[in-house]
């Protein structure tokens, strides 16, 4: 009996010790699980921050943008796995922490590449702006030169334009005698002097005379007798090809009068050549 009591006491002590160890172990496991749960939640937050950081990276480089998208998907997959893994699975949580560190390294490399591309693009942008400025300056210079050339050409053309003086109208009878009685006139002789001009081309110049009656009607033989003046066609009374040598040239143009065509009063004369008005005058018939 004494030995049984001893065995019972020893067994009770052992059971008490084991119960203590069990409850102590349960308490420690609960504490560890709480710690693991906190670490898991913190890791989930860090993964979310990492995904946000990846999502904020942008680049115009299509190849780099594709790699960024793949890494964002990878972060999202690891985050989803982390949400489903048990807090007690310390080994996998530790592995996911390592993945997080590696992914942060990948993100830093992306940042370096994007910064490098942005710097290159900024440099190219500045070079393009500089090139555009050069092109704009070249165009302005070209426009200025064109304007100067046009102005110079205008001056040259103006300087080369022929001028006349002493433009006179005279009535002639059928016997070539001068008269101012319109009823006896068979021809009208328009005499004038083409002035010296060393810048003008020499050679044959077609000079056109327009003679207007006092009532404004143009003396002419055919409506087909025309010449060009300021982008329009004008009728002329008479014309003549005149040899011009660059010096003062006295010459004339004769208009043959049709019967009953003349009247008394003041007549106006205009002379043209090379599409320019080169002189005018007046004369009176009685």
Protein backbone atom coordinates (compact mmCIF):
# COMPACT_ATOMS: atom_id res chain seq x y z
CA UNK A 1 0.00 0.00 0.00
CA UNK A 2 2.82 2.31 0.86
CA UNK A 3 4.45 1.66 -2.50
CA UNK A 4 1.15 2.37 -4.30
CA UNK A 5 0.83 5.70 -2.56
CA UNK A 6 4.32 6.62 -3.62
CA UNK A 7 3.58 5.65 -7.24
CA UNK A 8 0.38 7.68 -7.20
CA UNK A 9 2.15 10.72 -5.81
CA UNK A 10 4.96 10.45 -8.36
CA UNK A 11 2.44 10.03 -11.19
CA UNK A 12 0.47 13.06 -10.00
CA UNK A 13 3.62 15.15 -9.93
CA UNK A 14 4.56 14.03 -13.44
CA UNK A 15 1.06 14.80 -14.73
CA UNK A 16 1.18 18.22 -13.11
CA UNK A 17 4.54 18.91 -14.71
CA UNK A 18 3.34 17.76 -18.12
CA UNK A 19 0.19 19.86 -17.84
CA UNK A 20 2.30 22.86 -16.96
CA UNK A 21 4.57 22.26 -19.92
CA UNK A 22 1.55 21.81 -22.20
CA UNK A 23 -0.17 25.03 -21.16
CA UNK A 24 3.12 26.91 -21.25
CA UNK A 25 3.80 25.57 -24.76
CA UNK A 26 0.29 26.55 -25.88
CA UNK A 27 0.82 30.05 -24.53
CA UNK A 28 4.17 30.39 -26.30
CA UNK A 29 2.68 29.09 -29.57
CA UNK A 30 -0.18 31.57 -29.29
CA UNK A 31 2.29 34.38 -28.75
CA UNK A 32 4.41 33.24 -31.68
CA UNK A 33 1.35 32.94 -33.95
CA UNK A 34 0.35 36.49 -33.00
CA UNK A 35 3.85 37.70 -33.87
CA UNK A 36 3.76 35.83 -37.19
CA UNK A 37 0.32 37.30 -37.94
CA UNK A 38 1.63 40.84 -37.32
CA UNK A 39 4.66 40.14 -39.50
CA UNK A 40 2.38 38.78 -42.24
CA UNK A 41 0.12 41.86 -42.15
CA UNK A 42 3.17 44.14 -42.24
CA UNK A 43 4.56 42.15 -45.18
CA UNK A 44 1.22 42.44 -47.02
CA UNK A 45 1.35 46.23 -46.55
CA UNK A 46 4.93 46.35 -47.83
CA UNK A 47 3.93 44.33 -50.91
CA UNK A 48 1.06 46.75 -51.53
CA UNK A 49 3.45 49.71 -51.26
CA UNK A 50 5.84 47.98 -53.65
CA UNK A 51 3.01 47.39 -56.16
CA UNK A 52 2.05 51.08 -55.91
CA UNK A 53 5.68 52.07 -56.53
CA UNK A 54 5.86 49.81 -59.61
CA UNK A 55 2.54 51.17 -60.85
CA UNK A 56 3.83 54.75 -60.59
CA UNK A 57 6.78 54.06 -62.91
CA UNK A 58 6.12 55.19 -66.48
CA UNK A 59 8.24 55.16 -69.61
CA UNK A 60 7.77 55.69 -73.36
CA UNK A 61 10.08 52.76 -74.05
CA UNK A 62 7.77 49.90 -75.11
CA UNK A 63 10.28 47.14 -74.22
CA UNK A 64 10.90 48.55 -70.74
CA UNK A 65 7.18 49.16 -70.19
CA UNK A 66 6.49 45.47 -70.95
CA UNK A 67 9.05 44.38 -68.35
CA UNK A 68 7.49 46.77 -65.85
CA UNK A 69 4.08 45.23 -66.45
CA UNK A 70 5.51 41.73 -65.90
CA UNK A 71 7.10 42.77 -62.60
CA UNK A 72 3.84 44.41 -61.45
CA UNK A 73 2.01 41.16 -62.18
CA UNK A 74 4.69 39.24 -60.24
CA UNK A 75 4.25 41.49 -57.20
CA UNK A 76 0.47 41.06 -57.37
CA UNK A 77 0.82 37.25 -57.49
CA UNK A 78 3.15 37.17 -54.46
CA UNK A 79 0.81 39.48 -52.58
CA UNK A 80 -2.16 37.18 -53.30
CA UNK A 81 -0.14 34.19 -52.11
CA UNK A 82 0.84 36.00 -48.94
CA UNK A 83 -2.78 36.69 -48.09
CA UNK A 84 -3.63 32.96 -48.29
CA UNK A 85 -0.54 31.51 -46.56
CA UNK A 86 -0.97 30.60 -42.87
CA UNK A 87 0.71 32.84 -40.33
CA UNK A 88 2.26 29.73 -38.79
CA UNK A 89 4.04 28.93 -42.07
CA UNK A 90 7.16 30.79 -40.98
CA UNK A 91 9.34 29.25 -43.69
CA UNK A 92 7.17 30.49 -46.60
CA UNK A 93 6.70 33.90 -44.99
CA UNK A 94 10.47 34.13 -44.68
CA UNK A 95 10.80 33.23 -48.38
CA UNK A 96 8.25 35.91 -49.30
CA UNK A 97 10.26 38.45 -47.31
CA UNK A 98 13.27 37.50 -49.42
CA UNK A 99 11.19 37.87 -52.60
CA UNK A 100 10.17 41.34 -51.42
CA UNK A 101 13.79 42.39 -50.96
CA UNK A 102 14.68 41.04 -54.42
CA UNK A 103 11.72 42.85 -56.01
CA UNK A 104 12.80 46.12 -54.40
CA UNK A 105 16.20 45.66 -56.02
CA UNK A 106 14.49 45.12 -59.39
CA UNK A 107 12.45 48.29 -58.88
CA UNK A 108 15.59 50.32 -58.14
CA UNK A 109 17.15 49.05 -61.39
CA UNK A 110 14.03 50.15 -63.28
CA UNK A 111 14.23 53.59 -61.70
CA UNK A 112 17.87 53.91 -62.83
CA UNK A 113 16.97 52.83 -66.40
CA UNK A 114 13.98 55.19 -66.60
CA UNK A 115 16.02 58.11 -65.22
CA UNK A 116 18.71 57.38 -67.80
CA UNK A 117 16.12 57.27 -70.61
CA UNK A 118 14.50 60.47 -69.36
CA UNK A 119 17.87 62.22 -69.30
CA UNK A 120 18.59 60.97 -72.82
CA UNK A 121 15.14 62.06 -73.99
CA UNK A 122 15.60 65.46 -72.35
CA UNK A 123 18.95 65.85 -74.08
CA UNK A 124 17.40 64.82 -77.40
CA UNK A 125 14.54 67.23 -76.76
CA UNK A 126 17.00 70.06 -76.16
CA UNK A 127 18.93 69.08 -79.29
CA UNK A 128 15.68 68.98 -81.28
CA UNK A 129 14.70 72.38 -79.90
CA UNK A 130 18.11 73.68 -80.86
CA UNK A 131 17.72 72.17 -84.32
CA UNK A 132 14.25 73.71 -84.67
CA UNK A 133 15.71 77.08 -83.64
CA UNK A 134 18.43 76.69 -86.26
CA UNK A 135 15.88 75.75 -88.92
CA UNK A 136 13.68 78.68 -87.89
CA UNK A 137 16.67 81.06 -88.08
CA UNK A 138 17.63 79.61 -91.46
CA UNK A 139 14.09 80.09 -92.73
CA UNK A 140 14.01 83.66 -91.42
CA UNK A 141 17.34 84.33 -93.09
CA UNK A 142 16.06 82.76 -96.32
CA UNK A 143 12.89 84.85 -96.15
CA UNK A 144 14.92 88.01 -95.49
CA UNK A 145 17.25 87.22 -98.40
CA UNK A 146 14.27 86.49 -100.63
CA UNK A 147 12.67 89.76 -99.62
CA UNK A 148 15.91 91.63 -100.25
CA UNK A 149 16.34 89.90 -103.62
CA UNK A 150 12.77 90.75 -104.58
CA UNK A 151 13.34 94.35 -103.53
CA UNK A 152 16.60 94.38 -105.49
CA UNK A 153 14.88 92.88 -108.52
CA UNK A 154 12.16 95.50 -108.25
CA UNK A 155 14.81 98.20 -108.14
CA UNK A 156 16.63 96.67 -111.08
CA UNK A 157 13.40 96.42 -113.06
CA UNK A 158 12.48 99.95 -112.09
CA UNK A 159 15.91 101.17 -113.10
CA UNK A 160 15.69 99.27 -116.40
CA UNK A 161 12.26 100.62 -117.27
CA UNK A 162 12.23 102.89 -120.28
CA UNK A 163 10.95 106.45 -120.08
CA UNK A 164 10.01 109.00 -122.73
CA UNK A 165 9.77 112.75 -123.11
CA UNK A 166 8.38 115.21 -125.62
CA UNK A 167 5.35 113.05 -126.42
CA UNK A 168 3.47 114.94 -129.14
CA UNK A 169 0.53 114.28 -131.41
CA UNK A 170 0.33 115.78 -134.90
CA UNK A 171 -2.29 115.58 -137.65
CA UNK A 172 -1.07 114.86 -141.20
CA UNK A 173 -2.94 115.25 -144.46
CA UNK A 174 -2.90 112.67 -147.20
CA UNK A 175 0.07 114.58 -148.61
CA UNK A 176 1.96 114.30 -145.31
CA UNK A 177 1.47 117.97 -144.43
CA UNK A 178 0.90 119.00 -140.82
CA UNK A 179 -2.59 120.22 -139.87
CA UNK A 180 -4.74 120.53 -136.76
CA UNK A 181 -8.04 120.53 -138.64
CA UNK A 182 -9.60 117.12 -137.91
CA UNK A 183 -11.60 117.09 -141.17
CA UNK A 184 -8.40 117.18 -143.27
CA UNK A 185 -6.41 114.63 -141.24
CA UNK A 186 -5.51 111.27 -142.82
CA UNK A 187 -2.93 110.18 -140.24
CA UNK A 188 -1.92 110.98 -136.67
CA UNK A 189 1.79 110.98 -136.00
CA UNK A 190 2.86 110.42 -132.37
CA UNK A 191 6.47 111.49 -131.95
CA UNK A 192 8.57 111.06 -128.78
CA UNK A 193 12.07 110.48 -127.43
CA UNK A 194 13.02 107.29 -125.57
CA UNK A 195 15.49 108.35 -122.89
CA UNK A 196 18.98 106.97 -122.35
CA UNK A 197 19.13 104.02 -119.92
CA UNK A 198 22.34 102.01 -119.55
CA UNK A 199 20.64 99.34 -117.38
CA UNK A 200 17.93 98.54 -119.91
CA UNK A 201 18.35 95.83 -122.54
CA UNK A 202 19.07 96.98 -126.07
CA UNK A 203 17.40 95.67 -129.20
CA UNK A 204 13.98 95.83 -130.84
CA UNK A 205 11.25 97.06 -128.47
CA UNK A 206 7.58 96.94 -129.42
CA UNK A 207 6.04 100.27 -128.44
CA UNK A 208 2.23 100.57 -128.35
CA UNK A 209 0.33 103.85 -128.64
CA UNK A 210 -3.19 104.40 -127.31
CA UNK A 211 -4.93 107.52 -128.67
CA UNK A 212 -8.23 108.54 -127.05
CA UNK A 213 -10.71 110.99 -128.59
CA UNK A 214 -12.15 113.85 -126.53
CA UNK A 215 -15.20 111.66 -125.75
CA UNK A 216 -12.98 108.90 -124.31
CA UNK A 217 -13.30 106.50 -127.24
CA UNK A 218 -10.08 104.74 -128.28
CA UNK A 219 -8.94 105.12 -131.87
CA UNK A 220 -8.32 101.60 -133.20
CA UNK A 221 -8.83 99.39 -136.23
CA UNK A 222 -9.55 96.00 -134.62
CA UNK A 223 -10.51 94.66 -131.22
CA UNK A 224 -7.89 91.96 -131.79
CA UNK A 225 -5.12 94.56 -131.58
CA UNK A 226 -4.11 94.01 -127.94
CA UNK A 227 -1.07 93.94 -125.64
CA UNK A 228 -0.47 92.88 -122.01
CA UNK A 229 -0.46 95.43 -119.22
CA UNK A 230 -0.73 94.56 -115.50
CA UNK A 231 -2.27 91.12 -116.10
CA UNK A 232 -4.86 92.42 -118.52
CA UNK A 233 -5.21 92.87 -122.24
CA UNK A 234 -5.54 96.40 -123.61
CA UNK A 235 -6.38 97.51 -127.13
CA UNK A 236 -3.93 99.78 -128.90
CA UNK A 237 -4.27 102.31 -131.69
CA UNK A 238 -0.91 101.67 -133.38
CA UNK A 239 2.39 99.94 -132.61
CA UNK A 240 5.92 99.90 -133.96
CA UNK A 241 9.08 97.87 -133.38
CA UNK A 242 11.81 100.38 -132.47
CA UNK A 243 15.54 99.72 -132.41
CA UNK A 244 16.79 100.85 -129.01
CA UNK A 245 20.53 101.10 -128.35
CA UNK A 246 20.55 102.45 -124.80
CA UNK A 247 20.93 106.11 -125.84
CA UNK A 248 18.33 108.86 -126.38
CA UNK A 249 16.26 107.70 -129.33
CA UNK A 250 13.94 110.02 -131.29
CA UNK A 251 11.18 108.05 -132.98
CA UNK A 252 7.48 108.05 -133.83
CA UNK A 253 4.39 105.89 -134.39
CA UNK A 254 1.75 106.59 -137.09
CA UNK A 255 -1.95 105.84 -136.82
CA UNK A 256 -3.99 105.80 -140.07
CA UNK A 257 -7.34 107.50 -139.52
CA UNK A 258 -10.59 105.93 -140.68
CA UNK A 259 -13.12 108.16 -142.42
CA UNK A 260 -15.32 110.11 -140.00
CA UNK A 261 -13.42 108.85 -136.99
CA UNK A 262 -12.11 112.19 -135.66
CA UNK A 263 -13.74 115.11 -133.89
CA UNK A 264 -12.62 118.45 -132.55
CA UNK A 265 -11.17 118.63 -129.07
CA UNK A 266 -8.31 117.40 -126.89
CA UNK A 267 -6.82 113.96 -127.53
CA UNK A 268 -4.86 111.87 -124.98
CA UNK A 269 -1.81 109.72 -125.82
CA UNK A 270 -0.35 106.83 -123.77
CA UNK A 271 2.77 104.88 -124.73
CA UNK A 272 3.59 101.34 -123.51
CA UNK A 273 6.38 98.81 -123.85
CA UNK A 274 7.41 95.66 -121.91
CA UNK A 275 4.09 95.82 -120.05
CA UNK A 276 4.93 99.27 -118.64
CA UNK A 277 3.50 102.74 -119.21
CA UNK A 278 6.46 104.79 -120.44
CA UNK A 279 4.94 108.12 -121.36
CA UNK A 280 1.85 110.20 -122.14
CA UNK A 281 0.88 113.44 -123.82
CA UNK A 282 -1.95 115.52 -125.31
CA UNK A 283 -2.78 117.35 -128.52
CA UNK A 284 -5.78 119.34 -129.79
CA UNK A 285 -7.60 119.22 -133.10
CA UNK A 286 -9.84 122.00 -134.39
